[in-house]
């Protein structure tokens, strides 16, 4: 089972969608470190110009699963 994404990672995955190409500059509170960790986890992949990424199928699955289940407050 994949590791549960943080709120910042979910924000990125939710805003990217299937066709979005975004980078750390597109988010004010998310930096290169978060994108680096997501890249290691296989949720995003490099795309086009430098510091731009797109979501992978694995990332879409993670986002859909978390959005459907919601987040536990415990």
C-alpha atoms as a PDB file:
ATOM      1  CA  UNK A   1       0.000   0.000   0.000  1.00  0.00           C
ATOM      2  CA  UNK A   2       1.402   3.422  -0.902  1.00  0.00           C
ATOM      3  CA  UNK A   3       2.426   5.885   1.731  1.00  0.00           C
ATOM      4  CA  UNK A   4      -0.275   8.395   2.653  1.00  0.00           C
ATOM      5  CA  UNK A   5       0.372  11.801   1.060  1.00  0.00           C
ATOM      6  CA  UNK A   6       0.726  14.942   3.137  1.00  0.00           C
ATOM      7  CA  UNK A   7      -1.707  17.833   2.776  1.00  0.00           C
ATOM      8  CA  UNK A   8       0.804  19.689   0.600  1.00  0.00           C
ATOM      9  CA  UNK A   9       1.237  16.660  -1.661  1.00  0.00           C
ATOM     10  CA  UNK A  10      -2.530  16.278  -1.976  1.00  0.00           C
ATOM     11  CA  UNK A  11      -2.794  19.952  -2.907  1.00  0.00           C
ATOM     12  CA  UNK A  12      -0.294  19.434  -5.728  1.00  0.00           C
ATOM     13  CA  UNK A  13      -1.931  16.220  -6.965  1.00  0.00           C
ATOM     14  CA  UNK A  14      -5.383  17.810  -6.877  1.00  0.00           C
ATOM     15  CA  UNK A  15      -4.358  20.901  -8.807  1.00  0.00           C
ATOM     16  CA  UNK A  16      -2.340  19.065 -11.447  1.00  0.00           C
ATOM     17  CA  UNK A  17      -5.125  16.872 -12.764  1.00  0.00           C
ATOM     18  CA  UNK A  18      -4.400  14.500 -15.621  1.00  0.00           C
ATOM     19  CA  UNK A  19      -3.027  17.078 -18.071  1.00  0.00           C
ATOM     20  CA  UNK A  20      -1.533  19.758 -15.815  1.00  0.00           C
ATOM     21  CA  UNK A  21       2.168  20.613 -15.870  1.00  0.00           C
ATOM     22  CA  UNK A  22       3.113  22.579 -12.771  1.00  0.00           C
ATOM     23  CA  UNK A  23       6.166  23.289 -10.667  1.00  0.00           C
ATOM     24  CA  UNK A  24       7.145  24.722  -7.287  1.00  0.00           C
ATOM     25  CA  UNK A  25       6.756  28.284  -8.591  1.00  0.00           C
ATOM     26  CA  UNK A  26       3.051  27.658  -9.190  1.00  0.00           C
ATOM     27  CA  UNK A  27       2.407  27.149  -5.465  1.00  0.00           C
ATOM     28  CA  UNK A  28       3.296  29.757  -2.858  1.00  0.00           C
ATOM     29  CA  UNK A  29       3.653  27.397   0.119  1.00  0.00           C
ATOM     30  CA  UNK A  30       5.133  24.332  -1.581  1.00  0.00           C
ATOM     31  CA  UNK A  31       8.791  24.169  -2.479  1.00  0.00           C
ATOM     32  CA  UNK A  32      11.225  22.072  -4.440  1.00  0.00           C
ATOM     33  CA  UNK A  33      11.640  19.658  -1.512  1.00  0.00           C
ATOM     34  CA  UNK A  34       8.017  18.487  -1.701  1.00  0.00           C
ATOM     35  CA  UNK A  35       8.292  17.990  -5.458  1.00  0.00           C
ATOM     36  CA  UNK A  36      11.530  16.035  -4.940  1.00  0.00           C
ATOM     37  CA  UNK A  37       9.862  13.686  -2.469  1.00  0.00           C
ATOM     38  CA  UNK A  38       6.888  13.213  -4.764  1.00  0.00           C
ATOM     39  CA  UNK A  39       9.280  12.417  -7.600  1.00  0.00           C
ATOM     40  CA  UNK A  40      10.982   9.756  -5.451  1.00  0.00           C
ATOM     41  CA  UNK A  41       7.596   8.247  -4.567  1.00  0.00           C
ATOM     42  CA  UNK A  42       6.668   8.054  -8.259  1.00  0.00           C
ATOM     43  CA  UNK A  43       3.599  10.284  -8.037  1.00  0.00           C
ATOM     44  CA  UNK A  44       4.940  12.862 -10.500  1.00  0.00           C
ATOM     45  CA  UNK A  45       7.491  12.882 -13.318  1.00  0.00           C
ATOM     46  CA  UNK A  46       9.554  15.603 -14.998  1.00  0.00           C
ATOM     47  CA  UNK A  47       7.888  17.251 -17.968  1.00  0.00           C
ATOM     48  CA  UNK A  48       8.975  19.823 -20.496  1.00  0.00           C
ATOM     49  CA  UNK A  49      10.874  22.818 -19.169  1.00  0.00           C
ATOM     50  CA  UNK A  50      13.050  22.775 -16.065  1.00  0.00           C
ATOM     51  CA  UNK A  51      11.267  22.530 -12.713  1.00  0.00           C
ATOM     52  CA  UNK A  52       7.960  21.451 -14.261  1.00  0.00           C
ATOM     53  CA  UNK A  53       6.272  18.159 -13.467  1.00  0.00           C
ATOM     54  CA  UNK A  54       3.205  16.190 -14.472  1.00  0.00           C
ATOM     55  CA  UNK A  55       1.232  13.624 -12.521  1.00  0.00           C
ATOM     56  CA  UNK A  56       1.684   9.887 -13.155  1.00  0.00           C
ATOM     57  CA  UNK A  57      -1.008   7.211 -13.177  1.00  0.00           C
ATOM     58  CA  UNK A  58       0.142   6.229  -9.702  1.00  0.00           C
ATOM     59  CA  UNK A  59      -0.351   9.836  -8.565  1.00  0.00           C
ATOM     60  CA  UNK A  60      -3.860   9.929 -10.015  1.00  0.00           C
ATOM     61  CA  UNK A  61      -4.710   6.717  -8.155  1.00  0.00           C
ATOM     62  CA  UNK A  62      -3.343   8.146  -4.894  1.00  0.00           C
ATOM     63  CA  UNK A  63      -5.356  11.347  -5.289  1.00  0.00           C
ATOM     64  CA  UNK A  64      -8.590   9.538  -6.178  1.00  0.00           C
ATOM     65  CA  UNK A  65      -8.248   7.146  -3.246  1.00  0.00           C
ATOM     66  CA  UNK A  66      -7.602   9.954  -0.734  1.00  0.00           C
ATOM     67  CA  UNK A  67     -10.354  12.185  -2.125  1.00  0.00           C
ATOM     68  CA  UNK A  68     -12.892   9.372  -1.897  1.00  0.00           C
ATOM     69  CA  UNK A  69     -11.933   8.184   1.593  1.00  0.00           C
ATOM     70  CA  UNK A  70     -11.318  11.605   3.056  1.00  0.00           C
ATOM     71  CA  UNK A  71      -8.751  12.207   5.766  1.00  0.00           C
ATOM     72  CA  UNK A  72      -9.035  10.852   9.266  1.00  0.00           C
ATOM     73  CA  UNK A  73      -8.897  13.353  12.099  1.00  0.00           C
ATOM     74  CA  UNK A  74      -7.206  10.851  14.397  1.00  0.00           C
END
